[in-house]
PDB file of N, CA and C in Angstrom:
ATOM      1  N   MET A   1     -46.947  20.472 -24.857  1.00  0.00           N
ATOM      2  CA  MET A   1     -45.995  20.732 -25.912  1.00  0.00           C
ATOM      3  C   MET A   1     -44.815  21.503 -25.334  1.00  0.00           C
ATOM      4  N   THR A   2     -43.654  21.273 -25.935  1.00  0.00           N
ATOM      5  CA  THR A   2     -42.433  21.926 -25.494  1.00  0.00           C
ATOM      6  C   THR A   2     -41.682  22.470 -26.703  1.00  0.00           C
ATOM      7  N   LYS A   3     -41.173  23.671 -26.551  1.00  0.00           N
ATOM      8  CA  LYS A   3     -40.327  24.255 -27.588  1.00  0.00           C
ATOM      9  C   LYS A   3     -38.883  23.957 -27.225  1.00  0.00           C
ATOM     10  N   ILE A   4     -38.140  23.416 -28.173  1.00  0.00           N
ATOM     11  CA  ILE A   4     -36.725  23.121 -27.995  1.00  0.00           C
ATOM     12  C   ILE A   4     -35.943  24.086 -28.882  1.00  0.00           C
ATOM     13  N   GLU A   5     -35.082  24.880 -28.256  1.00  0.00           N
ATOM     14  CA  GLU A   5     -34.220  25.806 -28.989  1.00  0.00           C
ATOM     15  C   GLU A   5     -32.786  25.332 -28.845  1.00  0.00           C
ATOM     16  N   CYS A   6     -32.124  25.112 -29.963  1.00  0.00           N
ATOM     17  CA  CYS A   6     -30.756  24.614 -29.965  1.00  0.00           C
ATOM     18  C   CYS A   6     -29.851  25.640 -30.642  1.00  0.00           C
ATOM     19  N   ILE A   7     -28.771  26.003 -29.977  1.00  0.00           N
ATOM     20  CA  ILE A   7     -27.744  26.844 -30.570  1.00  0.00           C
ATOM     21  C   ILE A   7     -26.594  25.912 -30.926  1.00  0.00           C
ATOM     22  N   LEU A   8     -26.275  25.810 -32.212  1.00  0.00           N
ATOM     23  CA  LEU A   8     -25.334  24.805 -32.706  1.00  0.00           C
ATOM     24  C   LEU A   8     -24.223  25.424 -33.536  1.00  0.00           C
ATOM     25  N   ARG A   9     -23.160  24.652 -33.716  1.00  0.00           N
ATOM     26  CA  ARG A   9     -22.136  25.008 -34.696  1.00  0.00           C
ATOM     27  C   ARG A   9     -22.766  24.867 -36.087  1.00  0.00           C
ATOM     28  N   PRO A  10     -22.487  25.791 -37.002  1.00  0.00           N
ATOM     29  CA  PRO A  10     -23.078  25.701 -38.346  1.00  0.00           C
ATOM     30  C   PRO A  10     -22.793  24.375 -39.049  1.00  0.00           C
ATOM     31  N   GLY A  11     -21.610  23.814 -38.837  1.00  0.00           N
ATOM     32  CA  GLY A  11     -21.255  22.561 -39.507  1.00  0.00           C
ATOM     33  C   GLY A  11     -21.993  21.340 -38.994  1.00  0.00           C
ATOM     34  N   LYS A  12     -22.714  21.461 -37.901  1.00  0.00           N
ATOM     35  CA  LYS A  12     -23.433  20.326 -37.318  1.00  0.00           C
ATOM     36  C   LYS A  12     -24.918  20.303 -37.687  1.00  0.00           C
ATOM     37  N   LEU A  13     -25.394  21.322 -38.375  1.00  0.00           N
ATOM     38  CA  LEU A  13     -26.825  21.409 -38.688  1.00  0.00           C
ATOM     39  C   LEU A  13     -27.324  20.204 -39.470  1.00  0.00           C
ATOM     40  N   GLU A  14     -26.633  19.828 -40.533  1.00  0.00           N
ATOM     41  CA  GLU A  14     -27.110  18.722 -41.375  1.00  0.00           C
ATOM     42  C   GLU A  14     -27.196  17.421 -40.598  1.00  0.00           C
ATOM     43  N   ASN A  15     -26.186  17.134 -39.759  1.00  0.00           N
ATOM     44  CA  ASN A  15     -26.217  15.910 -38.948  1.00  0.00           C
ATOM     45  C   ASN A  15     -27.438  15.893 -38.040  1.00  0.00           C
ATOM     46  N   VAL A  16     -27.666  17.012 -37.349  1.00  0.00           N
ATOM     47  CA  VAL A  16     -28.784  17.102 -36.410  1.00  0.00           C
ATOM     48  C   VAL A  16     -30.105  17.017 -37.156  1.00  0.00           C
ATOM     49  N   LYS A  17     -30.219  17.751 -38.245  1.00  0.00           N
ATOM     50  CA  LYS A  17     -31.466  17.772 -39.022  1.00  0.00           C
ATOM     51  C   LYS A  17     -31.830  16.377 -39.537  1.00  0.00           C
ATOM     52  N   GLU A  18     -30.852  15.660 -40.082  1.00  0.00           N
ATOM     53  CA  GLU A  18     -31.115  14.313 -40.585  1.00  0.00           C
ATOM     54  C   GLU A  18     -31.538  13.363 -39.468  1.00  0.00           C
ATOM     55  N   ALA A  19     -30.869  13.442 -38.326  1.00  0.00           N
ATOM     56  CA  ALA A  19     -31.193  12.557 -37.204  1.00  0.00           C
ATOM     57  C   ALA A  19     -32.590  12.840 -36.657  1.00  0.00           C
ATOM     58  N   VAL A  20     -32.951  14.117 -36.543  1.00  0.00           N
ATOM     59  CA  VAL A  20     -34.275  14.492 -36.048  1.00  0.00           C
ATOM     60  C   VAL A  20     -35.348  14.082 -37.053  1.00  0.00           C
ATOM     61  N   ASN A  21     -35.056  14.244 -38.344  1.00  0.00           N
ATOM     62  CA  ASN A  21     -36.000  13.814 -39.384  1.00  0.00           C
ATOM     63  C   ASN A  21     -36.222  12.308 -39.336  1.00  0.00           C
ATOM     64  N   GLN A  22     -35.153  11.539 -39.126  1.00  0.00           N
ATOM     65  CA  GLN A  22     -35.291  10.085 -39.031  1.00  0.00           C
ATOM     66  C   GLN A  22     -36.148   9.685 -37.836  1.00  0.00           C
ATOM     67  N   TYR A  23     -36.117  10.474 -36.787  1.00  0.00           N
ATOM     68  CA  TYR A  23     -36.948  10.206 -35.614  1.00  0.00           C
ATOM     69  C   TYR A  23     -38.423  10.491 -35.908  1.00  0.00           C
ATOM     70  N   GLY A  24     -38.682  11.339 -36.906  1.00  0.00           N
ATOM     71  CA  GLY A  24     -40.063  11.638 -37.284  1.00  0.00           C
ATOM     72  C   GLY A  24     -40.470  13.082 -37.086  1.00  0.00           C
ATOM     73  N   ILE A  25     -39.530  13.933 -36.702  1.00  0.00           N
ATOM     74  CA  ILE A  25     -39.829  15.356 -36.537  1.00  0.00           C
ATOM     75  C   ILE A  25     -39.409  16.069 -37.818  1.00  0.00           C
ATOM     76  N   HIS A  26     -40.374  16.701 -38.490  1.00  0.00           N
ATOM     77  CA  HIS A  26     -40.085  17.355 -39.762  1.00  0.00           C
ATOM     78  C   HIS A  26     -40.265  18.865 -39.690  1.00  0.00           C
ATOM     79  N   GLY A  27     -40.976  19.359 -38.693  1.00  0.00           N
ATOM     80  CA  GLY A  27     -41.203  20.798 -38.566  1.00  0.00           C
ATOM     81  C   GLY A  27     -40.137  21.439 -37.702  1.00  0.00           C
ATOM     82  N   MET A  28     -39.394  22.362 -38.280  1.00  0.00           N
ATOM     83  CA  MET A  28     -38.364  23.064 -37.537  1.00  0.00           C
ATOM     84  C   MET A  28     -38.103  24.402 -38.199  1.00  0.00           C
ATOM     85  N   THR A  29     -37.545  25.316 -37.433  1.00  0.00           N
ATOM     86  CA  THR A  29     -37.144  26.620 -37.949  1.00  0.00           C
ATOM     87  C   THR A  29     -35.649  26.758 -37.719  1.00  0.00           C
ATOM     88  N   VAL A  30     -34.937  27.184 -38.751  1.00  0.00           N
ATOM     89  CA  VAL A  30     -33.487  27.348 -38.669  1.00  0.00           C
ATOM     90  C   VAL A  30     -33.154  28.804 -38.958  1.00  0.00           C
ATOM     91  N   THR A  31     -32.348  29.399 -38.073  1.00  0.00           N
ATOM     92  CA  THR A  31     -31.957  30.792 -38.207  1.00  0.00           C
ATOM     93  C   THR A  31     -30.446  30.908 -38.054  1.00  0.00           C
ATOM     94  N   GLN A  32     -29.823  31.726 -38.902  1.00  0.00           N
ATOM     95  CA  GLN A  32     -28.405  32.025 -38.724  1.00  0.00           C
ATOM     96  C   GLN A  32     -28.299  33.134 -37.697  1.00  0.00           C
ATOM     97  N   VAL A  33     -27.507  32.908 -36.651  1.00  0.00           N
ATOM     98  CA  VAL A  33     -27.352  33.884 -35.574  1.00  0.00           C
ATOM     99  C   VAL A  33     -25.862  34.074 -35.288  1.00  0.00           C
ATOM    100  N   ILE A  34     -25.543  35.095 -34.502  1.00  0.00           N
ATOM    101  CA  ILE A  34     -24.184  35.262 -34.006  1.00  0.00           C
ATOM    102  C   ILE A  34     -24.259  35.409 -32.498  1.00  0.00           C
ATOM    103  N   GLY A  35     -23.230  34.970 -31.819  1.00  0.00           N
ATOM    104  CA  GLY A  35     -23.231  35.077 -30.365  1.00  0.00           C
ATOM    105  C   GLY A  35     -21.920  34.636 -29.780  1.00  0.00           C
ATOM    106  N   CYS A  36     -21.865  34.684 -28.453  1.00  0.00           N
ATOM    107  CA  CYS A  36     -20.658  34.242 -27.765  1.00  0.00           C
ATOM    108  C   CYS A  36     -21.044  33.638 -26.427  1.00  0.00           C
ATOM    109  N   GLY A  37     -20.161  32.827 -25.932  1.00  0.00           N
ATOM    110  CA  GLY A  37     -20.333  32.198 -24.634  1.00  0.00           C
ATOM    111  C   GLY A  37     -18.957  31.961 -24.067  1.00  0.00           C
ATOM    112  N   LEU A  38     -18.706  30.746 -23.613  1.00  0.00           N
ATOM    113  CA  LEU A  38     -17.387  30.421 -23.079  1.00  0.00           C
ATOM    114  C   LEU A  38     -16.299  30.481 -24.144  1.00  0.00           C
ATOM    115  N   GLN A  39     -16.701  30.346 -25.403  1.00  0.00           N
ATOM    116  CA  GLN A  39     -15.748  30.352 -26.506  1.00  0.00           C
ATOM    117  C   GLN A  39     -15.049  31.711 -26.633  1.00  0.00           C
ATOM    118  N   ARG A  40     -15.749  32.763 -26.297  1.00  0.00           N
ATOM    119  CA  ARG A  40     -15.221  34.127 -26.261  1.00  0.00           C
ATOM    120  C   ARG A  40     -14.611  34.621 -27.551  1.00  0.00           C
ATOM    121  N   GLY A  41     -14.964  34.039 -28.674  1.00  0.00           N
ATOM    122  CA  GLY A  41     -14.490  34.540 -29.952  1.00  0.00           C
ATOM    123  C   GLY A  41     -13.080  34.104 -30.292  1.00  0.00           C
ATOM    124  N   ARG A  42     -12.507  34.809 -31.253  1.00  0.00           N
ATOM    125  CA  ARG A  42     -11.163  34.481 -31.714  1.00  0.00           C
ATOM    126  C   ARG A  42     -10.487  35.750 -32.206  1.00  0.00           C
ATOM    127  N   THR A  43      -9.195  35.668 -32.441  1.00  0.00           N
ATOM    128  CA  THR A  43      -8.432  36.806 -32.935  1.00  0.00           C
ATOM    129  C   THR A  43      -7.985  36.503 -34.361  1.00  0.00           C
ATOM    130  N   GLU A  44      -8.175  37.473 -35.258  1.00  0.00           N
ATOM    131  CA  GLU A  44      -7.747  37.332 -36.638  1.00  0.00           C
ATOM    132  C   GLU A  44      -6.887  38.522 -37.023  1.00  0.00           C
ATOM    133  N   VAL A  45      -6.038  38.309 -38.030  1.00  0.00           N
ATOM    134  CA  VAL A  45      -5.194  39.390 -38.539  1.00  0.00           C
ATOM    135  C   VAL A  45      -5.665  39.746 -39.935  1.00  0.00           C
ATOM    136  N   TYR A  46      -5.952  41.021 -40.154  1.00  0.00           N
ATOM    137  CA  TYR A  46      -6.379  41.508 -41.464  1.00  0.00           C
ATOM    138  C   TYR A  46      -5.503  42.696 -41.832  1.00  0.00           C
ATOM    139  N   ARG A  47      -4.768  42.543 -42.923  1.00  0.00           N
ATOM    140  CA  ARG A  47      -3.856  43.590 -43.407  1.00  0.00           C
ATOM    141  C   ARG A  47      -2.900  44.064 -42.312  1.00  0.00           C
ATOM    142  N   GLY A  48      -2.378  43.112 -41.588  1.00  0.00           N
ATOM    143  CA  GLY A  48      -1.383  43.417 -40.583  1.00  0.00           C
ATOM    144  C   GLY A  48      -1.915  43.898 -39.248  1.00  0.00           C
ATOM    145  N   THR A  49      -3.226  44.067 -39.130  1.00  0.00           N
ATOM    146  CA  THR A  49      -3.826  44.533 -37.885  1.00  0.00           C
ATOM    147  C   THR A  49      -4.601  43.391 -37.244  1.00  0.00           C
ATOM    148  N   GLU A  50      -4.424  43.218 -35.950  1.00  0.00           N
ATOM    149  CA  GLU A  50      -5.091  42.149 -35.222  1.00  0.00           C
ATOM    150  C   GLU A  50      -6.467  42.613 -34.765  1.00  0.00           C
ATOM    151  N   TYR A  51      -7.487  41.804 -35.049  1.00  0.00           N
ATOM    152  CA  TYR A  51      -8.865  42.106 -34.663  1.00  0.00           C
ATOM    153  C   TYR A  51      -9.405  40.996 -33.775  1.00  0.00           C
ATOM    154  N   SER A  52     -10.168  41.371 -32.777  1.00  0.00           N
ATOM    155  CA  SER A  52     -10.827  40.405 -31.907  1.00  0.00           C
ATOM    156  C   SER A  52     -12.267  40.249 -32.382  1.00  0.00           C
ATOM    157  N   ILE A  53     -12.627  39.034 -32.739  1.00  0.00           N
ATOM    158  CA  ILE A  53     -13.987  38.740 -33.196  1.00  0.00           C
ATOM    159  C   ILE A  53     -14.659  37.959 -32.077  1.00  0.00           C
ATOM    160  N   ASN A  54     -15.535  38.632 -31.309  1.00  0.00           N
ATOM    161  CA  ASN A  54     -16.115  37.957 -30.153  1.00  0.00           C
ATOM    162  C   ASN A  54     -17.532  37.450 -30.395  1.00  0.00           C
ATOM    163  N   LEU A  55     -18.136  37.757 -31.518  1.00  0.00           N
ATOM    164  CA  LEU A  55     -19.436  37.195 -31.871  1.00  0.00           C
ATOM    165  C   LEU A  55     -19.226  36.227 -33.027  1.00  0.00           C
ATOM    166  N   LEU A  56     -19.486  34.956 -32.768  1.00  0.00           N
ATOM    167  CA  LEU A  56     -19.225  33.913 -33.746  1.00  0.00           C
ATOM    168  C   LEU A  56     -20.517  33.440 -34.404  1.00  0.00           C
ATOM    169  N   PRO A  57     -20.444  33.013 -35.664  1.00  0.00           N
ATOM    170  CA  PRO A  57     -21.643  32.506 -36.340  1.00  0.00           C
ATOM    171  C   PRO A  57     -22.110  31.194 -35.721  1.00  0.00           C
ATOM    172  N   LYS A  58     -23.395  31.106 -35.484  1.00  0.00           N
ATOM    173  CA  LYS A  58     -24.025  29.894 -34.953  1.00  0.00           C
ATOM    174  C   LYS A  58     -25.332  29.666 -35.701  1.00  0.00           C
ATOM    175  N   ILE A  59     -25.943  28.529 -35.461  1.00  0.00           N
ATOM    176  CA  ILE A  59     -27.249  28.192 -36.024  1.00  0.00           C
ATOM    177  C   ILE A  59     -28.219  28.000 -34.865  1.00  0.00           C
ATOM    178  N   LYS A  60     -29.398  28.596 -34.987  1.00  0.00           N
ATOM    179  CA  LYS A  60     -30.451  28.391 -33.992  1.00  0.00           C
ATOM    180  C   LYS A  60     -31.520  27.503 -34.631  1.00  0.00           C
ATOM    181  N   LEU A  61     -31.740  26.357 -34.029  1.00  0.00           N
ATOM    182  CA  LEU A  61     -32.715  25.386 -34.505  1.00  0.00           C
ATOM    183  C   LEU A  61     -33.853  25.335 -33.493  1.00  0.00           C
ATOM    184  N   GLU A  62     -35.083  25.564 -33.944  1.00  0.00           N
ATOM    185  CA  GLU A  62     -36.247  25.577 -33.051  1.00  0.00           C
ATOM    186  C   GLU A  62     -37.257  24.533 -33.502  1.00  0.00           C
ATOM    187  N   MET A  63     -37.801  23.791 -32.530  1.00  0.00           N
ATOM    188  CA  MET A  63     -38.827  22.783 -32.793  1.00  0.00           C
ATOM    189  C   MET A  63     -39.842  22.808 -31.662  1.00  0.00           C
ATOM    190  N   VAL A  64     -41.088  22.556 -31.974  1.00  0.00           N
ATOM    191  CA  VAL A  64     -42.108  22.348 -30.949  1.00  0.00           C
ATOM    192  C   VAL A  64     -42.540  20.891 -31.073  1.00  0.00           C
ATOM    193  N   VAL A  65     -42.400  20.161 -29.954  1.00  0.00           N
ATOM    194  CA  VAL A  65     -42.658  18.721 -29.976  1.00  0.00           C
ATOM    195  C   VAL A  65     -43.564  18.340 -28.810  1.00  0.00           C
ATOM    196  N   PRO A  66     -44.226  17.176 -28.907  1.00  0.00           N
ATOM    197  CA  PRO A  66     -45.012  16.687 -27.764  1.00  0.00           C
ATOM    198  C   PRO A  66     -44.107  16.448 -26.557  1.00  0.00           C
ATOM    199  N   ASP A  67     -44.645  16.677 -25.361  1.00  0.00           N
ATOM    200  CA  ASP A  67     -43.867  16.569 -24.123  1.00  0.00           C
ATOM    201  C   ASP A  67     -43.193  15.213 -23.945  1.00  0.00           C
ATOM    202  N   GLU A  68     -43.836  14.139 -24.383  1.00  0.00           N
ATOM    203  CA  GLU A  68     -43.307  12.806 -24.116  1.00  0.00           C
ATOM    204  C   GLU A  68     -42.063  12.456 -24.924  1.00  0.00           C
ATOM    205  N   ILE A  69     -41.708  13.238 -25.947  1.00  0.00           N
ATOM    206  CA  ILE A  69     -40.510  12.913 -26.729  1.00  0.00           C
ATOM    207  C   ILE A  69     -39.380  13.927 -26.552  1.00  0.00           C
ATOM    208  N   VAL A  70     -39.543  14.887 -25.643  1.00  0.00           N
ATOM    209  CA  VAL A  70     -38.538  15.940 -25.451  1.00  0.00           C
ATOM    210  C   VAL A  70     -37.177  15.342 -25.111  1.00  0.00           C
ATOM    211  N   ASP A  71     -37.115  14.420 -24.179  1.00  0.00           N
ATOM    212  CA  ASP A  71     -35.834  13.826 -23.777  1.00  0.00           C
ATOM    213  C   ASP A  71     -35.163  13.095 -24.940  1.00  0.00           C
ATOM    214  N   ASP A  72     -35.962  12.406 -25.771  1.00  0.00           N
ATOM    215  CA  ASP A  72     -35.411  11.708 -26.936  1.00  0.00           C
ATOM    216  C   ASP A  72     -34.794  12.694 -27.928  1.00  0.00           C
ATOM    217  N   ILE A  73     -35.489  13.795 -28.182  1.00  0.00           N
ATOM    218  CA  ILE A  73     -34.993  14.797 -29.135  1.00  0.00           C
ATOM    219  C   ILE A  73     -33.717  15.444 -28.598  1.00  0.00           C
ATOM    220  N   ILE A  74     -33.695  15.757 -27.323  1.00  0.00           N
ATOM    221  CA  ILE A  74     -32.492  16.363 -26.734  1.00  0.00           C
ATOM    222  C   ILE A  74     -31.305  15.414 -26.863  1.00  0.00           C
ATOM    223  N   LYS A  75     -31.511  14.134 -26.598  1.00  0.00           N
ATOM    224  CA  LYS A  75     -30.425  13.148 -26.727  1.00  0.00           C
ATOM    225  C   LYS A  75     -29.934  13.070 -28.168  1.00  0.00           C
ATOM    226  N   ILE A  76     -30.856  13.093 -29.129  1.00  0.00           N
ATOM    227  CA  ILE A  76     -30.482  13.044 -30.547  1.00  0.00           C
ATOM    228  C   ILE A  76     -29.636  14.265 -30.911  1.00  0.00           C
ATOM    229  N   VAL A  77     -30.055  15.445 -30.474  1.00  0.00           N
ATOM    230  CA  VAL A  77     -29.318  16.665 -30.791  1.00  0.00           C
ATOM    231  C   VAL A  77     -27.927  16.620 -30.170  1.00  0.00           C
ATOM    232  N   VAL A  78     -27.848  16.261 -28.901  1.00  0.00           N
ATOM    233  CA  VAL A  78     -26.549  16.204 -28.219  1.00  0.00           C
ATOM    234  C   VAL A  78     -25.620  15.202 -28.906  1.00  0.00           C
ATOM    235  N   ASP A  79     -26.135  14.018 -29.220  1.00  0.00           N
ATOM    236  CA  ASP A  79     -25.314  12.984 -29.849  1.00  0.00           C
ATOM    237  C   ASP A  79     -24.782  13.412 -31.216  1.00  0.00           C
ATOM    238  N   ASN A  80     -25.558  14.217 -31.939  1.00  0.00           N
ATOM    239  CA  ASN A  80     -25.178  14.596 -33.296  1.00  0.00           C
ATOM    240  C   ASN A  80     -24.492  15.951 -33.403  1.00  0.00           C
ATOM    241  N   ALA A  81     -24.500  16.740 -32.334  1.00  0.00           N
ATOM    242  CA  ALA A  81     -23.889  18.075 -32.380  1.00  0.00           C
ATOM    243  C   ALA A  81     -22.606  18.172 -31.573  1.00  0.00           C
ATOM    244  N   ARG A  82     -22.356  17.222 -30.713  1.00  0.00           N
ATOM    245  CA  ARG A  82     -21.201  17.310 -29.803  1.00  0.00           C
ATOM    246  C   ARG A  82     -19.880  17.045 -30.530  1.00  0.00           C
ATOM    247  N   THR A  83     -18.915  17.945 -30.298  1.00  0.00           N
ATOM    248  CA  THR A  83     -17.547  17.716 -30.751  1.00  0.00           C
ATOM    249  C   THR A  83     -16.626  17.537 -29.559  1.00  0.00           C
ATOM    250  N   GLY A  84     -17.082  17.966 -28.385  1.00  0.00           N
ATOM    251  CA  GLY A  84     -16.261  17.905 -27.193  1.00  0.00           C
ATOM    252  C   GLY A  84     -15.444  19.160 -26.969  1.00  0.00           C
ATOM    253  N   GLU A  85     -15.558  20.110 -27.866  1.00  0.00           N
ATOM    254  CA  GLU A  85     -14.813  21.366 -27.758  1.00  0.00           C
ATOM    255  C   GLU A  85     -15.711  22.470 -27.218  1.00  0.00           C
ATOM    256  N   VAL A  86     -15.096  23.513 -26.646  1.00  0.00           N
ATOM    257  CA  VAL A  86     -15.863  24.689 -26.223  1.00  0.00           C
ATOM    258  C   VAL A  86     -16.528  25.283 -27.452  1.00  0.00           C
ATOM    259  N   GLY A  87     -17.801  25.658 -27.325  1.00  0.00           N
ATOM    260  CA  GLY A  87     -18.523  26.252 -28.447  1.00  0.00           C
ATOM    261  C   GLY A  87     -19.497  25.313 -29.129  1.00  0.00           C
ATOM    262  N   ASP A  88     -19.714  24.129 -28.552  1.00  0.00           N
ATOM    263  CA  ASP A  88     -20.662  23.181 -29.148  1.00  0.00           C
ATOM    264  C   ASP A  88     -22.093  23.695 -29.109  1.00  0.00           C
ATOM    265  N   GLY A  89     -22.432  24.566 -28.151  1.00  0.00           N
ATOM    266  CA  GLY A  89     -23.765  25.155 -28.125  1.00  0.00           C
ATOM    267  C   GLY A  89     -24.533  24.851 -26.859  1.00  0.00           C
ATOM    268  N   LYS A  90     -25.818  25.178 -26.916  1.00  0.00           N
ATOM    269  CA  LYS A  90     -26.724  24.997 -25.780  1.00  0.00           C
ATOM    270  C   LYS A  90     -28.079  24.541 -26.303  1.00  0.00           C
ATOM    271  N   ILE A  91     -28.860  23.949 -25.398  1.00  0.00           N
ATOM    272  CA  ILE A  91     -30.250  23.582 -25.688  1.00  0.00           C
ATOM    273  C   ILE A  91     -31.112  24.185 -24.588  1.00  0.00           C
ATOM    274  N   PHE A  92     -32.181  24.859 -24.993  1.00  0.00           N
ATOM    275  CA  PHE A  92     -33.135  25.447 -24.056  1.00  0.00           C
ATOM    276  C   PHE A  92     -34.512  24.857 -24.339  1.00  0.00           C
ATOM    277  N   THR A  93     -35.278  24.606 -23.287  1.00  0.00           N
ATOM    278  CA  THR A  93     -36.652  24.130 -23.469  1.00  0.00           C
ATOM    279  C   THR A  93     -37.604  25.074 -22.753  1.00  0.00           C
ATOM    280  N   SER A  94     -38.795  25.200 -23.303  1.00  0.00           N
ATOM    281  CA  SER A  94     -39.834  26.008 -22.662  1.00  0.00           C
ATOM    282  C   SER A  94     -41.196  25.422 -23.016  1.00  0.00           C
ATOM    283  N   LYS A  95     -42.129  25.541 -22.097  1.00  0.00           N
ATOM    284  CA  LYS A  95     -43.478  25.011 -22.289  1.00  0.00           C
ATOM    285  C   LYS A  95     -44.259  25.906 -23.256  1.00  0.00           C
ATOM    286  N   ILE A  96     -45.049  25.268 -24.078  1.00  0.00           N
ATOM    287  CA  ILE A  96     -45.920  25.969 -25.027  1.00  0.00           C
ATOM    288  C   ILE A  96     -47.359  25.674 -24.627  1.00  0.00           C
ATOM    289  N   ASP A  97     -48.148  26.731 -24.423  1.00  0.00           N
ATOM    290  CA  ASP A  97     -49.540  26.556 -24.021  1.00  0.00           C
ATOM    291  C   ASP A  97     -50.420  26.075 -25.165  1.00  0.00           C
ATOM    292  N   ASN A  98     -50.186  26.615 -26.363  1.00  0.00           N
ATOM    293  CA  ASN A  98     -51.053  26.275 -27.482  1.00  0.00           C
ATOM    294  C   ASN A  98     -50.328  26.548 -28.782  1.00  0.00           C
ATOM    295  N   ALA A  99     -50.787  25.902 -29.828  1.00  0.00           N
ATOM    296  CA  ALA A  99     -50.313  26.156 -31.185  1.00  0.00           C
ATOM    297  C   ALA A  99     -51.537  26.169 -32.089  1.00  0.00           C
ATOM    298  N   VAL A 100     -51.508  27.003 -33.103  1.00  0.00           N
ATOM    299  CA  VAL A 100     -52.624  27.093 -34.050  1.00  0.00           C
ATOM    300  C   VAL A 100     -52.067  27.018 -35.458  1.00  0.00           C
ATOM    301  N   ARG A 101     -52.586  26.079 -36.247  1.00  0.00           N
ATOM    302  CA  ARG A 101     -52.224  26.017 -37.662  1.00  0.00           C
ATOM    303  C   ARG A 101     -53.139  26.991 -38.395  1.00  0.00           C
ATOM    304  N   ILE A 102     -52.571  28.023 -38.945  1.00  0.00           N
ATOM    305  CA  ILE A 102     -53.354  29.102 -39.552  1.00  0.00           C
ATOM    306  C   ILE A 102     -54.221  28.584 -40.699  1.00  0.00           C
ATOM    307  N   ARG A 103     -53.678  27.722 -41.549  1.00  0.00           N
ATOM    308  CA  ARG A 103     -54.410  27.245 -42.730  1.00  0.00           C
ATOM    309  C   ARG A 103     -55.703  26.522 -42.375  1.00  0.00           C
ATOM    310  N   THR A 104     -55.665  25.651 -41.343  1.00  0.00           N
ATOM    311  CA  THR A 104     -56.832  24.810 -41.031  1.00  0.00           C
ATOM    312  C   THR A 104     -57.543  25.190 -39.745  1.00  0.00           C
ATOM    313  N   GLY A 105     -56.881  25.963 -38.901  1.00  0.00           N
ATOM    314  CA  GLY A 105     -57.468  26.313 -37.617  1.00  0.00           C
ATOM    315  C   GLY A 105     -57.263  25.251 -36.547  1.00  0.00           C
ATOM    316  N   GLU A 106     -56.508  24.178 -36.865  1.00  0.00           N
ATOM    317  CA  GLU A 106     -56.234  23.140 -35.870  1.00  0.00           C
ATOM    318  C   GLU A 106     -55.472  23.750 -34.709  1.00  0.00           C
ATOM    319  N   THR A 107     -55.700  23.205 -33.506  1.00  0.00           N
ATOM    320  CA  THR A 107     -55.014  23.720 -32.328  1.00  0.00           C
ATOM    321  C   THR A 107     -54.357  22.582 -31.563  1.00  0.00           C
ATOM    322  N   GLY A 108     -53.475  22.951 -30.644  1.00  0.00           N
ATOM    323  CA  GLY A 108     -52.797  21.951 -29.811  1.00  0.00           C
ATOM    324  C   GLY A 108     -51.785  21.143 -30.588  1.00  0.00           C
ATOM    325  N   GLU A 109     -51.571  19.897 -30.140  1.00  0.00           N
ATOM    326  CA  GLU A 109     -50.558  19.034 -30.769  1.00  0.00           C
ATOM    327  C   GLU A 109     -50.887  18.692 -32.206  1.00  0.00           C
ATOM    328  N   THR A 110     -52.143  18.694 -32.597  1.00  0.00           N
ATOM    329  CA  THR A 110     -52.481  18.396 -33.989  1.00  0.00           C
ATOM    330  C   THR A 110     -51.986  19.500 -34.931  1.00  0.00           C
ATOM    331  N   ALA A 111     -51.740  20.687 -34.380  1.00  0.00           N
ATOM    332  CA  ALA A 111     -51.262  21.803 -35.203  1.00  0.00           C
ATOM    333  C   ALA A 111     -49.764  21.719 -35.468  1.00  0.00           C
ATOM    334  N   ILE A 112     -49.043  20.912 -34.676  1.00  0.00           N
ATOM    335  CA  ILE A 112     -47.598  20.828 -34.908  1.00  0.00           C
ATOM    336  C   ILE A 112     -47.287  19.645 -35.767  1.00  0.00           C
TER     337      ILE A 112
END
């Protein structure tokens, strides 16, 4: 099993979620986060004073999927989240040793 963590633009969440659901992945966790990378924030003016906002709102999407479909899921996310501009986000993967469904006690891939 592999955990896929995606940092996305907030406006791209619905596109990615629908595409991943159509592929057959329904279990995911979505978190509103703030952060910065190459985008380095932006400058805004409030009441005549200029402010630098270097932490921008993003969405963190997490899924645990079987190893054999990781590449397919990554391609789906990239295809549906890319705008071509700085700030499109990142995808991180990490191996998961085990998963346990608390309600039934199932373990491994059957728990996801």
